[in-house]
């Protein structure tokens, strides 16, 4: 490669790396904001619906596990947990492998494929874990079902009732 071409391509390459890094940070904040917007438009802001569930939008759940860092800003409220889930589904940085599992090509029944190489799992397999257990996936439908079952069946001293919500009434 000639030095002239190298002088042109090097700044372009470095600039694209910087741009890609800032896009990743923007995406996480955007997901948090979208989650909040979805929450404000859902039945979860309807007090009669929340009353029927025995809770309110101001209730705080499992505060010690809530992530209050930006862009999540979870203080343990239902809205905060929704934001935390929206951000965590994509990981915290570009090295996290979770996002490659969010794709599915139904026409060819395969996951994200680049240059003939499959990356990650098909999104239904990742989300459901009904065919197998996926390494690094702790938030699938299978996991939720298992945790709910444990919360409802384990004795309190083994974490049963404690896991039911660890509801604290916020002042």
Protein backbone atom coordinates (compact mmCIF):
# COMPACT_ATOMS: atom_id res chain seq x y z
CA UNK A 1 0.00 0.00 0.00
CA UNK A 2 1.41 3.38 -0.94
CA UNK A 3 2.17 5.92 1.76
CA UNK A 4 -0.33 8.36 0.23
CA UNK A 5 -3.19 5.86 0.49
CA UNK A 6 -2.08 4.94 4.01
CA UNK A 7 -2.13 8.64 5.01
CA UNK A 8 -5.73 8.88 3.80
CA UNK A 9 -7.03 5.59 5.19
CA UNK A 10 -5.44 5.74 8.66
CA UNK A 11 -7.37 8.83 9.87
CA UNK A 12 -10.58 7.43 8.34
CA UNK A 13 -10.11 4.13 10.15
CA UNK A 14 -9.31 5.78 13.49
CA UNK A 15 -12.24 8.16 13.10
CA UNK A 16 -14.62 5.26 12.45
CA UNK A 17 -13.42 3.53 15.64
CA UNK A 18 -14.11 6.65 17.69
CA UNK A 19 -17.53 7.08 16.08
CA UNK A 20 -18.46 3.43 16.75
CA UNK A 21 -17.53 3.77 20.43
CA UNK A 22 -19.74 6.80 20.92
CA UNK A 23 -22.61 5.08 19.09
CA UNK A 24 -22.50 2.22 21.59
CA UNK A 25 -22.77 4.58 24.54
CA UNK A 26 -25.66 6.40 22.88
CA UNK A 27 -27.51 3.16 22.25
CA UNK A 28 -27.54 2.16 25.94
CA UNK A 29 -28.91 5.54 26.99
CA UNK A 30 -31.46 5.36 24.20
CA UNK A 31 -32.62 1.93 25.37
CA UNK A 32 -33.07 3.26 28.91
CA UNK A 33 -35.12 6.21 27.63
CA UNK A 34 -37.23 3.95 25.39
CA UNK A 35 -37.94 1.67 28.34
CA UNK A 36 -39.12 4.63 30.43
CA UNK A 37 -41.30 5.85 27.59
CA UNK A 38 -42.81 2.37 27.17
CA UNK A 39 -43.45 2.24 30.92
CA UNK A 40 -45.26 5.60 30.94
CA UNK A 41 -47.53 4.40 28.13
CA UNK A 42 -48.28 1.00 29.69
CA UNK A 43 -50.89 -0.25 32.17
CA UNK A 44 -48.21 -0.05 34.87
CA UNK A 45 -49.06 3.63 35.41
CA UNK A 46 -52.73 2.77 35.92
CA UNK A 47 -53.19 2.82 39.72
CA UNK A 48 -56.18 0.43 39.60
CA UNK A 49 -54.06 -2.10 37.70
CA UNK A 50 -51.18 -1.74 40.15
CA UNK A 51 -53.60 -1.96 43.11
CA UNK A 52 -54.88 -5.26 41.70
CA UNK A 53 -51.27 -6.50 41.76
CA UNK A 54 -50.90 -5.30 45.36
CA UNK A 55 -48.27 -2.71 44.55
CA UNK A 56 -47.72 0.84 43.35
CA UNK A 57 -45.32 2.61 41.01
CA UNK A 58 -43.52 4.05 44.06
CA UNK A 59 -42.78 0.64 45.63
CA UNK A 60 -39.13 -0.35 45.86
CA UNK A 61 -37.95 -3.88 45.12
CA UNK A 62 -34.60 -5.43 45.94
CA UNK A 63 -32.87 -2.06 46.32
CA UNK A 64 -29.50 -3.68 47.14
CA UNK A 65 -29.31 -5.22 43.64
CA UNK A 66 -30.54 -2.13 41.77
CA UNK A 67 -27.94 -0.51 39.50
CA UNK A 68 -28.05 3.25 39.94
CA UNK A 69 -25.27 4.03 37.42
CA UNK A 70 -26.07 6.01 34.30
CA UNK A 71 -27.86 5.39 32.00
CA UNK A 72 -29.82 2.89 34.12
CA UNK A 73 -30.54 4.95 37.23
CA UNK A 74 -32.51 2.16 38.89
CA UNK A 75 -33.64 3.00 42.41
CA UNK A 76 -35.61 -0.24 42.74
CA UNK A 77 -38.92 1.00 41.33
CA UNK A 78 -40.78 -0.90 38.60
CA UNK A 79 -39.69 1.75 36.07
CA UNK A 80 -36.08 1.45 37.23
CA UNK A 81 -36.07 -2.35 36.87
CA UNK A 82 -37.47 -2.00 33.36
CA UNK A 83 -34.66 0.43 32.45
CA UNK A 84 -32.06 -1.88 33.97
CA UNK A 85 -33.38 -4.81 31.94
CA UNK A 86 -33.38 -2.79 28.73
CA UNK A 87 -29.73 -1.81 29.17
CA UNK A 88 -28.52 -5.16 30.50
CA UNK A 89 -29.99 -7.07 27.56
CA UNK A 90 -27.36 -5.49 25.34
CA UNK A 91 -24.44 -5.62 27.76
CA UNK A 92 -22.39 -2.70 28.98
CA UNK A 93 -19.75 -2.48 26.27
CA UNK A 94 -18.85 -3.61 22.77
CA UNK A 95 -16.98 -6.64 24.11
CA UNK A 96 -20.13 -8.13 25.63
CA UNK A 97 -21.37 -10.96 23.43
CA UNK A 98 -25.07 -10.65 24.31
CA UNK A 99 -26.19 -8.51 21.35
CA UNK A 100 -25.23 -11.10 18.70
CA UNK A 101 -27.96 -13.33 20.15
CA UNK A 102 -30.70 -10.84 19.25
CA UNK A 103 -30.94 -11.83 15.58
CA UNK A 104 -32.91 -14.46 13.74
CA UNK A 105 -33.14 -15.14 10.01
CA UNK A 106 -36.45 -17.05 9.75
CA UNK A 107 -36.01 -17.66 6.04
CA UNK A 108 -32.86 -19.69 6.65
CA UNK A 109 -33.58 -20.64 10.29
CA UNK A 110 -30.25 -19.29 11.53
CA UNK A 111 -28.74 -16.65 13.84
CA UNK A 112 -26.77 -13.59 12.79
CA UNK A 113 -24.51 -14.75 9.97
CA UNK A 114 -21.57 -12.77 8.61
CA UNK A 115 -19.60 -14.03 5.62
CA UNK A 116 -21.12 -17.49 6.08
CA UNK A 117 -20.15 -17.68 9.77
CA UNK A 118 -22.88 -17.94 12.39
CA UNK A 119 -22.41 -15.59 15.34
CA UNK A 120 -24.31 -16.29 18.53
CA UNK A 121 -27.63 -18.10 18.84
CA UNK A 122 -30.97 -17.64 17.13
CA UNK A 123 -32.89 -15.03 19.16
CA UNK A 124 -35.78 -17.41 20.06
CA UNK A 125 -33.27 -19.93 21.44
CA UNK A 126 -31.53 -17.19 23.44
CA UNK A 127 -34.73 -15.68 24.86
CA UNK A 128 -36.56 -18.90 25.65
CA UNK A 129 -33.81 -21.42 26.37
CA UNK A 130 -36.38 -24.11 25.59
CA UNK A 131 -34.05 -26.26 23.46
CA UNK A 132 -30.87 -25.90 25.50
CA UNK A 133 -29.13 -23.81 28.14
CA UNK A 134 -27.22 -20.87 26.70
CA UNK A 135 -23.88 -19.87 28.24
CA UNK A 136 -24.05 -16.34 29.64
CA UNK A 137 -27.86 -16.21 29.56
CA UNK A 138 -29.34 -15.76 33.02
CA UNK A 139 -32.53 -13.90 32.08
CA UNK A 140 -34.42 -16.21 29.73
CA UNK A 141 -38.02 -17.35 30.04
CA UNK A 142 -36.67 -20.60 31.49
CA UNK A 143 -34.75 -18.67 34.17
CA UNK A 144 -37.77 -16.52 35.02
CA UNK A 145 -39.98 -19.59 35.33
CA UNK A 146 -37.42 -21.33 37.58
CA UNK A 147 -37.05 -18.29 39.84
CA UNK A 148 -40.80 -17.84 40.13
CA UNK A 149 -41.22 -21.50 41.06
CA UNK A 150 -38.48 -21.25 43.71
CA UNK A 151 -39.98 -18.06 45.14
CA UNK A 152 -43.37 -19.71 45.50
CA UNK A 153 -42.23 -23.10 46.81
CA UNK A 154 -39.07 -22.64 48.87
CA UNK A 155 -39.46 -22.15 52.62
CA UNK A 156 -38.73 -18.63 53.82
CA UNK A 157 -35.43 -19.58 55.50
CA UNK A 158 -34.17 -20.85 52.10
CA UNK A 159 -35.14 -17.66 50.30
CA UNK A 160 -38.71 -18.40 49.24
CA UNK A 161 -40.64 -15.47 50.61
CA UNK A 162 -37.59 -13.23 50.56
CA UNK A 163 -37.35 -13.75 46.81
CA UNK A 164 -41.05 -13.00 46.31
CA UNK A 165 -40.13 -9.36 45.97
CA UNK A 166 -38.30 -8.02 49.00
CA UNK A 167 -40.83 -5.23 48.92
CA UNK A 168 -39.95 -2.13 50.88
CA UNK A 169 -42.49 0.61 51.11
CA UNK A 170 -40.87 3.80 49.98
CA UNK A 171 -41.42 6.88 52.11
